[in-house]
Structure formats: structure tokens, C-alpha cells
């Protein structure tokens, strides 16, 4: 009796246990947080890109500040999911990611553009 049960346990999994095709697996909390931050950064950037030029009619400096904040919120929306992609890759990807971040920061803060 014990032998039969042991052989049944070692068999292939039943079709009911296999995940169905097309169904999404639930994502963990870190992935949901990254998705939320990406959406929030995109939303803030969109709002500031609309409000900035309107307020810029009265004070051009305000438009510049709001444009800079919009650029950084887009950076936040892009950088976190990009790091989630790069995290499990090799050193080459990680170094390239950091170089791209540094170029973005220097480009937005100092206004450096290669022409």
C-alpha cells in the first residue's frame, strides 16, 4: 500500500495544478510600488508641462522651474522601471545605466547639450 502511494506522489503534476495560459500571475509589492511611482511621475510631469507655460506668461522663471521639475518627475518615472530591468543583468548594463543617469542629470541641471 505504501509503495503505490509513493509512486503516485512522484508522478507528473496534475493538469489542474498547472497555471493556465493567458492568466497573469500576481505581482509582488515592489513591482506595484515601481508601477505607482512611474505613473505618479508621468502624471506630475504632464500636469506641470501644461501649467508651466500658462504661469510663464506672468513669471518666466516659474515656467523654467516647473519645466525642470517635470523633467525630474519623468526621470523618476523612467529610472525606477529601468533599474528593475537592469538589476539582474551584468555589470555592463549597470554601468551603462549609471552613465545614462549622469548624462541626464548634467543635461538638465547644467543645460549641457551636445550639438
PDB file of N, CA and C in Angstrom:
ATOM      1  N   UNK A   1       0.812  -1.184   0.000  1.00  0.00           N
ATOM      2  CA  UNK A   1       0.000   0.000   0.000  1.00  0.00           C
ATOM      3  C   UNK A   1       0.864   1.260   0.000  1.00  0.00           C
ATOM      4  N   UNK A   2       1.921   1.261   0.792  1.00  0.00           N
ATOM      5  CA  UNK A   2       2.776   2.433   0.859  1.00  0.00           C
ATOM      6  C   UNK A   2       3.518   2.656  -0.453  1.00  0.00           C
ATOM      7  N   UNK A   3       3.888   1.571  -1.131  1.00  0.00           N
ATOM      8  CA  UNK A   3       4.592   1.710  -2.397  1.00  0.00           C
ATOM      9  C   UNK A   3       3.737   2.393  -3.449  1.00  0.00           C
ATOM     10  N   UNK A   4       2.494   2.038  -3.547  1.00  0.00           N
ATOM     11  CA  UNK A   4       1.602   2.635  -4.533  1.00  0.00           C
ATOM     12  C   UNK A   4       1.474   4.137  -4.294  1.00  0.00           C
ATOM     13  N   UNK A   5       1.307   4.522  -3.055  1.00  0.00           N
ATOM     14  CA  UNK A   5       1.158   5.934  -2.740  1.00  0.00           C
ATOM     15  C   UNK A   5       2.423   6.706  -3.101  1.00  0.00           C
ATOM     16  N   UNK A   6       3.579   6.140  -2.856  1.00  0.00           N
ATOM     17  CA  UNK A   6       4.841   6.793  -3.164  1.00  0.00           C
ATOM     18  C   UNK A   6       4.975   6.986  -4.671  1.00  0.00           C
ATOM     19  N   UNK A   7       4.592   5.996  -5.453  1.00  0.00           N
ATOM     20  CA  UNK A   7       4.682   6.102  -6.892  1.00  0.00           C
ATOM     21  C   UNK A   7       3.709   7.150  -7.420  1.00  0.00           C
ATOM     22  N   UNK A   8       2.563   7.283  -6.817  1.00  0.00           N
ATOM     23  CA  UNK A   8       1.595   8.272  -7.263  1.00  0.00           C
ATOM     24  C   UNK A   8       2.081   9.689  -6.963  1.00  0.00           C
ATOM     25  N   UNK A   9       2.768   9.873  -5.841  1.00  0.00           N
ATOM     26  CA  UNK A   9       3.260  11.199  -5.478  1.00  0.00           C
ATOM     27  C   UNK A   9       4.373  11.673  -6.407  1.00  0.00           C
ATOM     28  N   UNK A  10       5.158  10.751  -6.948  1.00  0.00           N
ATOM     29  CA  UNK A  10       6.281  11.124  -7.783  1.00  0.00           C
ATOM     30  C   UNK A  10       5.885  11.387  -9.238  1.00  0.00           C
ATOM     31  N   UNK A  11       4.687  11.132  -9.592  1.00  0.00           N
ATOM     32  CA  UNK A  11       4.234  11.301 -10.969  1.00  0.00           C
ATOM     33  C   UNK A  11       4.194  12.767 -11.369  1.00  0.00           C
ATOM     34  N   UNK A  12       3.907  13.010 -12.652  1.00  0.00           N
ATOM     35  CA  UNK A  12       3.838  14.397 -13.138  1.00  0.00           C
ATOM     36  C   UNK A  12       2.679  15.137 -12.472  1.00  0.00           C
ATOM     37  N   UNK A  13       2.768  16.458 -12.374  1.00  0.00           N
ATOM     38  CA  UNK A  13       1.698  17.209 -11.726  1.00  0.00           C
ATOM     39  C   UNK A  13       0.406  17.107 -12.526  1.00  0.00           C
ATOM     40  N   UNK A  14      -0.671  17.140 -11.807  1.00  0.00           N
ATOM     41  CA  UNK A  14      -1.985  17.068 -12.444  1.00  0.00           C
ATOM     42  C   UNK A  14      -2.219  18.330 -13.268  1.00  0.00           C
ATOM     43  N   UNK A  15      -3.004  18.239 -14.335  1.00  0.00           N
ATOM     44  CA  UNK A  15      -3.256  19.410 -15.172  1.00  0.00           C
ATOM     45  C   UNK A  15      -3.950  20.534 -14.402  1.00  0.00           C
ATOM     46  N   UNK A  16      -4.635  20.225 -13.321  1.00  0.00           N
ATOM     47  CA  UNK A  16      -5.303  21.260 -12.547  1.00  0.00           C
ATOM     48  C   UNK A  16      -4.301  22.154 -11.831  1.00  0.00           C
ATOM     49  N   UNK A  17      -3.109  21.620 -11.508  1.00  0.00           N
ATOM     50  CA  UNK A  17      -2.103  22.390 -10.785  1.00  0.00           C
ATOM     51  C   UNK A  17      -1.333  23.335 -11.706  1.00  0.00           C
ATOM     52  N   UNK A  18      -1.288  23.045 -12.981  1.00  0.00           N
ATOM     53  CA  UNK A  18      -0.520  23.859 -13.918  1.00  0.00           C
ATOM     54  C   UNK A  18      -1.219  25.199 -14.129  1.00  0.00           C
ATOM     55  N   UNK A  19      -0.439  26.288 -14.213  1.00  0.00           N
ATOM     56  CA  UNK A  19      -1.064  27.591 -14.462  1.00  0.00           C
ATOM     57  C   UNK A  19      -1.656  27.624 -15.861  1.00  0.00           C
ATOM     58  N   UNK A  20      -2.814  28.237 -15.976  1.00  0.00           N
ATOM     59  CA  UNK A  20      -3.480  28.305 -17.266  1.00  0.00           C
ATOM     60  C   UNK A  20      -2.801  29.344 -18.139  1.00  0.00           C
ATOM     61  N   UNK A  21      -2.834  29.098 -19.425  1.00  0.00           N
ATOM     62  CA  UNK A  21      -2.221  30.013 -20.377  1.00  0.00           C
ATOM     63  C   UNK A  21      -3.062  31.291 -20.440  1.00  0.00           C
ATOM     64  N   UNK A  22      -2.405  32.418 -20.472  1.00  0.00           N
ATOM     65  CA  UNK A  22      -3.108  33.679 -20.593  1.00  0.00           C
ATOM     66  C   UNK A  22      -3.443  34.333 -19.266  1.00  0.00           C
ATOM     67  N   UNK A  23      -3.352  33.617 -18.169  1.00  0.00           N
ATOM     68  CA  UNK A  23      -3.636  34.219 -16.871  1.00  0.00           C
ATOM     69  C   UNK A  23      -2.372  34.864 -16.343  1.00  0.00           C
ATOM     70  N   UNK A  24      -2.525  36.046 -15.794  1.00  0.00           N
ATOM     71  CA  UNK A  24      -1.375  36.750 -15.228  1.00  0.00           C
ATOM     72  C   UNK A  24      -1.134  36.312 -13.808  1.00  0.00           C
ATOM     73  N   UNK A  25       0.136  36.237 -13.464  1.00  0.00           N
ATOM     74  CA  UNK A  25       0.484  35.955 -12.083  1.00  0.00           C
ATOM     75  C   UNK A  25       0.421  37.258 -11.300  1.00  0.00           C
ATOM     76  N   UNK A  26       0.101  37.155 -10.013  1.00  0.00           N
ATOM     77  CA  UNK A  26       0.077  38.345  -9.185  1.00  0.00           C
ATOM     78  C   UNK A  26       1.493  38.836  -8.983  1.00  0.00           C
ATOM     79  N   UNK A  27       1.648  40.149  -9.033  1.00  0.00           N
ATOM     80  CA  UNK A  27       2.963  40.737  -8.870  1.00  0.00           C
ATOM     81  C   UNK A  27       3.154  41.141  -7.415  1.00  0.00           C
ATOM     82  N   UNK A  28       4.393  41.160  -6.989  1.00  0.00           N
ATOM     83  CA  UNK A  28       4.708  41.492  -5.618  1.00  0.00           C
ATOM     84  C   UNK A  28       4.594  42.975  -5.335  1.00  0.00           C
ATOM     85  N   UNK A  29       4.740  43.348  -4.075  1.00  0.00           N
ATOM     86  CA  UNK A  29       4.626  44.737  -3.668  1.00  0.00           C
ATOM     87  C   UNK A  29       5.685  45.639  -4.291  1.00  0.00           C
ATOM     88  N   UNK A  30       6.949  45.202  -4.394  1.00  0.00           N
ATOM     89  CA  UNK A  30       7.922  46.103  -5.023  1.00  0.00           C
ATOM     90  C   UNK A  30       7.564  46.451  -6.460  1.00  0.00           C
ATOM     91  N   UNK A  31       7.058  45.507  -7.218  1.00  0.00           N
ATOM     92  CA  UNK A  31       6.690  45.780  -8.604  1.00  0.00           C
ATOM     93  C   UNK A  31       5.512  46.746  -8.655  1.00  0.00           C
ATOM     94  N   UNK A  32       4.552  46.589  -7.768  1.00  0.00           N
ATOM     95  CA  UNK A  32       3.419  47.506  -7.745  1.00  0.00           C
ATOM     96  C   UNK A  32       3.864  48.904  -7.335  1.00  0.00           C
ATOM     97  N   UNK A  33       4.821  49.012  -6.415  1.00  0.00           N
ATOM     98  CA  UNK A  33       5.334  50.310  -5.995  1.00  0.00           C
ATOM     99  C   UNK A  33       6.038  51.006  -7.153  1.00  0.00           C
ATOM    100  N   UNK A  34       6.833  50.263  -7.894  1.00  0.00           N
ATOM    101  CA  UNK A  34       7.533  50.840  -9.041  1.00  0.00           C
ATOM    102  C   UNK A  34       6.525  51.322 -10.079  1.00  0.00           C
ATOM    103  N   UNK A  35       5.483  50.536 -10.307  1.00  0.00           N
ATOM    104  CA  UNK A  35       4.446  50.944 -11.251  1.00  0.00           C
ATOM    105  C   UNK A  35       3.753  52.221 -10.791  1.00  0.00           C
ATOM    106  N   UNK A  36       3.473  52.315  -9.482  1.00  0.00           N
ATOM    107  CA  UNK A  36       2.822  53.510  -8.946  1.00  0.00           C
ATOM    108  C   UNK A  36       3.721  54.732  -9.095  1.00  0.00           C
ATOM    109  N   UNK A  37       4.992  54.598  -8.770  1.00  0.00           N
ATOM    110  CA  UNK A  37       5.915  55.727  -8.869  1.00  0.00           C
ATOM    111  C   UNK A  37       6.056  56.166 -10.330  1.00  0.00           C
ATOM    112  N   UNK A  38       6.104  55.209 -11.238  1.00  0.00           N
ATOM    113  CA  UNK A  38       6.206  55.545 -12.657  1.00  0.00           C
ATOM    114  C   UNK A  38       4.960  56.304 -13.117  1.00  0.00           C
ATOM    115  N   UNK A  39       3.787  55.857 -12.708  1.00  0.00           N
ATOM    116  CA  UNK A  39       2.553  56.554 -13.077  1.00  0.00           C
ATOM    117  C   UNK A  39       2.510  57.941 -12.448  1.00  0.00           C
ATOM    118  N   UNK A  40       2.887  58.045 -11.172  1.00  0.00           N
ATOM    119  CA  UNK A  40       2.861  59.324 -10.477  1.00  0.00           C
ATOM    120  C   UNK A  40       3.824  60.313 -11.140  1.00  0.00           C
ATOM    121  N   UNK A  41       5.012  59.858 -11.502  1.00  0.00           N
ATOM    122  CA  UNK A  41       5.963  60.730 -12.178  1.00  0.00           C
ATOM    123  C   UNK A  41       5.447  61.206 -13.523  1.00  0.00           C
ATOM    124  N   UNK A  42       4.815  60.330 -14.256  1.00  0.00           N
ATOM    125  CA  UNK A  42       4.249  60.705 -15.547  1.00  0.00           C
ATOM    126  C   UNK A  42       3.119  61.715 -15.376  1.00  0.00           C
ATOM    127  N   UNK A  43       2.255  61.495 -14.389  1.00  0.00           N
ATOM    128  CA  UNK A  43       1.125  62.398 -14.152  1.00  0.00           C
ATOM    129  C   UNK A  43       1.611  63.785 -13.727  1.00  0.00           C
ATOM    130  N   UNK A  44       2.568  63.841 -12.805  1.00  0.00           N
ATOM    131  CA  UNK A  44       3.093  65.130 -12.352  1.00  0.00           C
ATOM    132  C   UNK A  44       3.748  65.866 -13.513  1.00  0.00           C
ATOM    133  N   UNK A  45       4.511  65.148 -14.317  1.00  0.00           N
ATOM    134  CA  UNK A  45       5.174  65.769 -15.450  1.00  0.00           C
ATOM    135  C   UNK A  45       4.162  66.339 -16.442  1.00  0.00           C
ATOM    136  N   UNK A  46       3.130  65.599 -16.735  1.00  0.00           N
ATOM    137  CA  UNK A  46       2.114  66.067 -17.681  1.00  0.00           C
ATOM    138  C   UNK A  46       1.409  67.323 -17.153  1.00  0.00           C
ATOM    139  N   UNK A  47       1.071  67.313 -15.879  1.00  0.00           N
ATOM    140  CA  UNK A  47       0.389  68.473 -15.297  1.00  0.00           C
ATOM    141  C   UNK A  47       1.301  69.699 -15.322  1.00  0.00           C
ATOM    142  N   UNK A  48       2.554  69.523 -14.954  1.00  0.00           N
ATOM    143  CA  UNK A  48       3.474  70.658 -14.924  1.00  0.00           C
ATOM    144  C   UNK A  48       3.799  71.170 -16.326  1.00  0.00           C
ATOM    145  N   UNK A  49       3.827  70.299 -17.301  1.00  0.00           N
ATOM    146  CA  UNK A  49       4.086  70.747 -18.670  1.00  0.00           C
ATOM    147  C   UNK A  49       2.918  71.536 -19.252  1.00  0.00           C
ATOM    148  N   UNK A  50       1.726  71.354 -18.693  1.00  0.00           N
ATOM    149  CA  UNK A  50       0.569  72.147 -19.117  1.00  0.00           C
ATOM    150  C   UNK A  50       0.499  73.460 -18.326  1.00  0.00           C
ATOM    151  N   UNK A  51       0.720  73.384 -17.027  1.00  0.00           N
ATOM    152  CA  UNK A  51       0.599  74.565 -16.172  1.00  0.00           C
ATOM    153  C   UNK A  51       1.786  75.511 -16.346  1.00  0.00           C
ATOM    154  N   UNK A  52       2.987  74.966 -16.572  1.00  0.00           N
ATOM    155  CA  UNK A  52       4.192  75.788 -16.679  1.00  0.00           C
ATOM    156  C   UNK A  52       4.106  76.913 -17.691  1.00  0.00           C
ATOM    157  N   UNK A  53       3.752  76.654 -18.938  1.00  0.00           N
ATOM    158  CA  UNK A  53       3.667  77.746 -19.913  1.00  0.00           C
ATOM    159  C   UNK A  53       2.564  78.767 -19.587  1.00  0.00           C
ATOM    160  N   UNK A  54       1.492  78.310 -18.963  1.00  0.00           N
ATOM    161  CA  UNK A  54       0.421  79.242 -18.584  1.00  0.00           C
ATOM    162  C   UNK A  54       0.931  80.220 -17.526  1.00  0.00           C
ATOM    163  N   UNK A  55       1.600  79.684 -16.504  1.00  0.00           N
ATOM    164  CA  UNK A  55       2.151  80.542 -15.461  1.00  0.00           C
ATOM    165  C   UNK A  55       3.354  81.324 -15.957  1.00  0.00           C
ATOM    166  N   UNK A  56       4.006  80.844 -16.999  1.00  0.00           N
ATOM    167  CA  UNK A  56       5.179  81.512 -17.549  1.00  0.00           C
ATOM    168  C   UNK A  56       4.864  82.844 -18.198  1.00  0.00           C
ATOM    169  N   UNK A  57       3.611  83.101 -18.522  1.00  0.00           N
ATOM    170  CA  UNK A  57       3.230  84.394 -19.096  1.00  0.00           C
ATOM    171  C   UNK A  57       3.432  85.516 -18.083  1.00  0.00           C
ATOM    172  N   UNK A  58       3.220  85.212 -16.824  1.00  0.00           N
ATOM    173  CA  UNK A  58       3.372  86.223 -15.778  1.00  0.00           C
ATOM    174  C   UNK A  58       4.786  86.229 -15.193  1.00  0.00           C
ATOM    175  N   UNK A  59       5.388  85.058 -15.070  1.00  0.00           N
ATOM    176  CA  UNK A  59       6.724  84.950 -14.500  1.00  0.00           C
ATOM    177  C   UNK A  59       7.489  83.847 -15.246  1.00  0.00           C
ATOM    178  N   UNK A  60       8.374  84.224 -16.166  1.00  0.00           N
ATOM    179  CA  UNK A  60       9.088  83.206 -16.959  1.00  0.00           C
ATOM    180  C   UNK A  60       9.965  82.287 -16.114  1.00  0.00           C
ATOM    181  N   UNK A  61      10.447  82.777 -15.005  1.00  0.00           N
ATOM    182  CA  UNK A  61      11.282  81.945 -14.154  1.00  0.00           C
ATOM    183  C   UNK A  61      10.485  80.776 -13.575  1.00  0.00           C
ATOM    184  N   UNK A  62       9.224  81.003 -13.278  1.00  0.00           N
ATOM    185  CA  UNK A  62       8.357  79.931 -12.772  1.00  0.00           C
ATOM    186  C   UNK A  62       8.209  78.828 -13.806  1.00  0.00           C
ATOM    187  N   UNK A  63       8.074  79.187 -15.061  1.00  0.00           N
ATOM    188  CA  UNK A  63       7.949  78.191 -16.124  1.00  0.00           C
ATOM    189  C   UNK A  63       9.213  77.338 -16.214  1.00  0.00           C
ATOM    190  N   UNK A  64      10.378  77.968 -16.042  1.00  0.00           N
ATOM    191  CA  UNK A  64      11.636  77.208 -16.087  1.00  0.00           C
ATOM    192  C   UNK A  64      11.731  76.229 -14.920  1.00  0.00           C
ATOM    193  N   UNK A  65      11.353  76.670 -13.744  1.00  0.00           N
ATOM    194  CA  UNK A  65      11.412  75.797 -12.566  1.00  0.00           C
ATOM    195  C   UNK A  65      10.435  74.635 -12.716  1.00  0.00           C
ATOM    196  N   UNK A  66       9.222  74.943 -13.168  1.00  0.00           N
ATOM    197  CA  UNK A  66       8.234  73.869 -13.346  1.00  0.00           C
ATOM    198  C   UNK A  66       8.661  72.905 -14.457  1.00  0.00           C
ATOM    199  N   UNK A  67       9.322  73.401 -15.486  1.00  0.00           N
ATOM    200  CA  UNK A  67       9.842  72.522 -16.533  1.00  0.00           C
ATOM    201  C   UNK A  67      10.926  71.593 -16.010  1.00  0.00           C
ATOM    202  N   UNK A  68      11.790  72.118 -15.130  1.00  0.00           N
ATOM    203  CA  UNK A  68      12.835  71.294 -14.531  1.00  0.00           C
ATOM    204  C   UNK A  68      12.232  70.213 -13.631  1.00  0.00           C
ATOM    205  N   UNK A  69      11.216  70.590 -12.851  1.00  0.00           N
ATOM    206  CA  UNK A  69      10.536  69.597 -12.000  1.00  0.00           C
ATOM    207  C   UNK A  69       9.853  68.541 -12.863  1.00  0.00           C
ATOM    208  N   UNK A  70       9.280  68.957 -13.990  1.00  0.00           N
ATOM    209  CA  UNK A  70       8.646  67.998 -14.903  1.00  0.00           C
ATOM    210  C   UNK A  70       9.674  67.026 -15.469  1.00  0.00           C
ATOM    211  N   UNK A  71      10.866  67.521 -15.797  1.00  0.00           N
ATOM    212  CA  UNK A  71      11.912  66.642 -16.309  1.00  0.00           C
ATOM    213  C   UNK A  71      12.356  65.633 -15.255  1.00  0.00           C
ATOM    214  N   UNK A  72      12.469  66.072 -14.012  1.00  0.00           N
ATOM    215  CA  UNK A  72      12.887  65.151 -12.958  1.00  0.00           C
ATOM    216  C   UNK A  72      11.791  64.149 -12.609  1.00  0.00           C
ATOM    217  N   UNK A  73      10.535  64.542 -12.720  1.00  0.00           N
ATOM    218  CA  UNK A  73       9.480  63.563 -12.469  1.00  0.00           C
ATOM    219  C   UNK A  73       9.437  62.524 -13.587  1.00  0.00           C
ATOM    220  N   UNK A  74       9.752  62.936 -14.810  1.00  0.00           N
ATOM    221  CA  UNK A  74       9.865  61.947 -15.892  1.00  0.00           C
ATOM    222  C   UNK A  74      11.058  61.036 -15.670  1.00  0.00           C
ATOM    223  N   UNK A  75      12.147  61.588 -15.146  1.00  0.00           N
ATOM    224  CA  UNK A  75      13.300  60.761 -14.812  1.00  0.00           C
ATOM    225  C   UNK A  75      12.912  59.703 -13.789  1.00  0.00           C
ATOM    226  N   UNK A  76      12.154  60.114 -12.785  1.00  0.00           N
ATOM    227  CA  UNK A  76      11.694  59.174 -11.768  1.00  0.00           C
ATOM    228  C   UNK A  76      10.804  58.103 -12.387  1.00  0.00           C
ATOM    229  N   UNK A  77       9.945  58.517 -13.315  1.00  0.00           N
ATOM    230  CA  UNK A  77       9.038  57.575 -13.957  1.00  0.00           C
ATOM    231  C   UNK A  77       9.780  56.572 -14.832  1.00  0.00           C
ATOM    232  N   UNK A  78      10.926  56.951 -15.337  1.00  0.00           N
ATOM    233  CA  UNK A  78      11.672  56.078 -16.234  1.00  0.00           C
ATOM    234  C   UNK A  78      12.777  55.317 -15.512  1.00  0.00           C
ATOM    235  N   UNK A  79      13.445  55.969 -14.564  1.00  0.00           N
ATOM    236  CA  UNK A  79      14.638  55.395 -13.944  1.00  0.00           C
ATOM    237  C   UNK A  79      14.337  54.168 -13.090  1.00  0.00           C
ATOM    238  N   UNK A  80      13.250  54.179 -12.334  1.00  0.00           N
ATOM    239  CA  UNK A  80      12.952  53.026 -11.474  1.00  0.00           C
ATOM    240  C   UNK A  80      12.609  51.767 -12.261  1.00  0.00           C
ATOM    241  N   UNK A  81      11.715  51.834 -13.247  1.00  0.00           N
ATOM    242  CA  UNK A  81      11.495  50.617 -14.043  1.00  0.00           C
ATOM    243  C   UNK A  81      12.736  50.187 -14.819  1.00  0.00           C
ATOM    244  N   UNK A  82      13.543  51.155 -15.248  1.00  0.00           N
ATOM    245  CA  UNK A  82      14.776  50.804 -15.952  1.00  0.00           C
ATOM    246  C   UNK A  82      15.740  50.077 -15.018  1.00  0.00           C
ATOM    247  N   UNK A  83      15.819  50.515 -13.769  1.00  0.00           N
ATOM    248  CA  UNK A  83      16.692  49.825 -12.823  1.00  0.00           C
ATOM    249  C   UNK A  83      16.159  48.425 -12.518  1.00  0.00           C
ATOM    250  N   UNK A  84      14.839  48.286 -12.460  1.00  0.00           N
ATOM    251  CA  UNK A  84      14.261  46.960 -12.235  1.00  0.00           C
ATOM    252  C   UNK A  84      14.662  46.015 -13.372  1.00  0.00           C
ATOM    253  N   UNK A  85      14.794  46.557 -14.578  1.00  0.00           N
ATOM    254  CA  UNK A  85      15.239  45.751 -15.713  1.00  0.00           C
ATOM    255  C   UNK A  85      16.720  45.421 -15.608  1.00  0.00           C
ATOM    256  N   UNK A  86      17.529  46.393 -15.215  1.00  0.00           N
ATOM    257  CA  UNK A  86      18.986  46.253 -15.195  1.00  0.00           C
ATOM    258  C   UNK A  86      19.466  45.459 -13.991  1.00  0.00           C
ATOM    259  N   UNK A  87      18.689  45.406 -12.939  1.00  0.00           N
ATOM    260  CA  UNK A  87      19.115  44.804 -11.678  1.00  0.00           C
ATOM    261  C   UNK A  87      19.667  43.390 -11.843  1.00  0.00           C
ATOM    262  N   UNK A  88      19.066  42.580 -12.666  1.00  0.00           N
ATOM    263  CA  UNK A  88      19.502  41.185 -12.824  1.00  0.00           C
ATOM    264  C   UNK A  88      20.427  40.980 -14.022  1.00  0.00           C
ATOM    265  N   UNK A  89      20.896  42.057 -14.616  1.00  0.00           N
ATOM    266  CA  UNK A  89      21.793  41.961 -15.768  1.00  0.00           C
ATOM    267  C   UNK A  89      23.240  42.042 -15.298  1.00  0.00           C
ATOM    268  N   UNK A  90      24.151  42.020 -16.235  1.00  0.00           N
ATOM    269  CA  UNK A  90      25.578  42.067 -15.925  1.00  0.00           C
ATOM    270  C   UNK A  90      26.059  43.482 -15.609  1.00  0.00           C
ATOM    271  N   UNK A  91      27.360  43.574 -15.324  1.00  0.00           N
ATOM    272  CA  UNK A  91      27.959  44.851 -14.959  1.00  0.00           C
ATOM    273  C   UNK A  91      27.894  45.852 -16.102  1.00  0.00           C
ATOM    274  N   UNK A  92      27.970  45.396 -17.323  1.00  0.00           N
ATOM    275  CA  UNK A  92      27.924  46.299 -18.469  1.00  0.00           C
ATOM    276  C   UNK A  92      26.627  47.090 -18.522  1.00  0.00           C
ATOM    277  N   UNK A  93      25.517  46.406 -18.304  1.00  0.00           N
ATOM    278  CA  UNK A  93      24.222  47.077 -18.294  1.00  0.00           C
ATOM    279  C   UNK A  93      24.139  48.081 -17.147  1.00  0.00           C
ATOM    280  N   UNK A  94      24.631  47.692 -15.980  1.00  0.00           N
ATOM    281  CA  UNK A  94      24.546  48.576 -14.810  1.00  0.00           C
ATOM    282  C   UNK A  94      25.401  49.825 -14.995  1.00  0.00           C
ATOM    283  N   UNK A  95      26.593  49.671 -15.552  1.00  0.00           N
ATOM    284  CA  UNK A  95      27.452  50.832 -15.791  1.00  0.00           C
ATOM    285  C   UNK A  95      26.827  51.745 -16.848  1.00  0.00           C
ATOM    286  N   UNK A  96      26.285  51.152 -17.907  1.00  0.00           N
ATOM    287  CA  UNK A  96      25.623  51.952 -18.941  1.00  0.00           C
ATOM    288  C   UNK A  96      24.429  52.702 -18.365  1.00  0.00           C
ATOM    289  N   UNK A  97      23.677  52.073 -17.483  1.00  0.00           N
ATOM    290  CA  UNK A  97      22.538  52.704 -16.812  1.00  0.00           C
ATOM    291  C   UNK A  97      23.002  53.919 -16.007  1.00  0.00           C
ATOM    292  N   UNK A  98      24.060  53.756 -15.218  1.00  0.00           N
ATOM    293  CA  UNK A  98      24.570  54.870 -14.412  1.00  0.00           C
ATOM    294  C   UNK A  98      25.104  56.007 -15.281  1.00  0.00           C
ATOM    295  N   UNK A  99      25.776  55.678 -16.374  1.00  0.00           N
ATOM    296  CA  UNK A  99      26.274  56.706 -17.284  1.00  0.00           C
ATOM    297  C   UNK A  99      25.114  57.487 -17.884  1.00  0.00           C
ATOM    298  N   UNK A 100      24.075  56.796 -18.277  1.00  0.00           N
ATOM    299  CA  UNK A 100      22.900  57.474 -18.842  1.00  0.00           C
ATOM    300  C   UNK A 100      22.241  58.385 -17.806  1.00  0.00           C
ATOM    301  N   UNK A 101      22.158  57.936 -16.556  1.00  0.00           N
ATOM    302  CA  UNK A 101      21.595  58.785 -15.500  1.00  0.00           C
ATOM    303  C   UNK A 101      22.442  60.037 -15.290  1.00  0.00           C
ATOM    304  N   UNK A 102      23.755  59.876 -15.269  1.00  0.00           N
ATOM    305  CA  UNK A 102      24.636  61.032 -15.095  1.00  0.00           C
ATOM    306  C   UNK A 102      24.508  62.022 -16.250  1.00  0.00           C
ATOM    307  N   UNK A 103      24.400  61.515 -17.458  1.00  0.00           N
ATOM    308  CA  UNK A 103      24.221  62.394 -18.611  1.00  0.00           C
ATOM    309  C   UNK A 103      22.898  63.146 -18.497  1.00  0.00           C
ATOM    310  N   UNK A 104      21.859  62.473 -18.077  1.00  0.00           N
ATOM    311  CA  UNK A 104      20.556  63.126 -17.926  1.00  0.00           C
ATOM    312  C   UNK A 104      20.624  64.221 -16.866  1.00  0.00           C
ATOM    313  N   UNK A 105      21.229  63.904 -15.701  1.00  0.00           N
ATOM    314  CA  UNK A 105      21.335  64.896 -14.636  1.00  0.00           C
ATOM    315  C   UNK A 105      22.129  66.118 -15.087  1.00  0.00           C
ATOM    316  N   UNK A 106      23.286  65.896 -15.681  1.00  0.00           N
ATOM    317  CA  UNK A 106      24.088  67.035 -16.124  1.00  0.00           C
ATOM    318  C   UNK A 106      23.399  67.813 -17.231  1.00  0.00           C
ATOM    319  N   UNK A 107      22.651  67.118 -18.063  1.00  0.00           N
ATOM    320  CA  UNK A 107      21.928  67.804 -19.122  1.00  0.00           C
ATOM    321  C   UNK A 107      20.805  68.665 -18.612  1.00  0.00           C
ATOM    322  N   UNK A 108      20.134  68.228 -17.572  1.00  0.00           N
ATOM    323  CA  UNK A 108      19.024  69.025 -17.045  1.00  0.00           C
ATOM    324  C   UNK A 108      19.501  70.119 -16.104  1.00  0.00           C
ATOM    325  N   UNK A 109      20.483  69.843 -15.277  1.00  0.00           N
ATOM    326  CA  UNK A 109      20.950  70.843 -14.323  1.00  0.00           C
ATOM    327  C   UNK A 109      21.784  71.922 -15.025  1.00  0.00           C
ATOM    328  N   UNK A 110      22.746  71.505 -15.789  1.00  0.00           N
ATOM    329  CA  UNK A 110      23.664  72.462 -16.404  1.00  0.00           C
ATOM    330  C   UNK A 110      23.235  72.900 -17.793  1.00  0.00           C
ATOM    331  N   UNK A 111      22.251  72.240 -18.337  1.00  0.00           N
ATOM    332  CA  UNK A 111      21.801  72.588 -19.671  1.00  0.00           C
ATOM    333  C   UNK A 111      22.810  72.219 -20.746  1.00  0.00           C
ATOM    334  N   UNK A 112      23.583  71.181 -20.473  1.00  0.00           N
ATOM    335  CA  UNK A 112      24.594  70.750 -21.436  1.00  0.00           C
ATOM    336  C   UNK A 112      23.909  69.962 -22.542  1.00  0.00           C
ATOM    337  N   UNK A 113      24.171  70.357 -23.754  1.00  0.00           N
ATOM    338  CA  UNK A 113      23.639  69.630 -24.900  1.00  0.00           C
ATOM    339  C   UNK A 113      24.760  69.495 -25.928  1.00  0.00           C
ATOM    340  N   UNK A 114      24.908  68.316 -26.468  1.00  0.00           N
ATOM    341  CA  UNK A 114      25.925  68.087 -27.490  1.00  0.00           C
ATOM    342  C   UNK A 114      25.333  68.477 -28.834  1.00  0.00           C
ATOM    343  N   UNK A 115      25.979  69.435 -29.478  1.00  0.00           N
ATOM    344  CA  UNK A 115      25.457  69.910 -30.765  1.00  0.00           C
ATOM    345  C   UNK A 115      26.469  69.675 -31.845  1.00  0.00           C
TER     346      UNK A 115
END
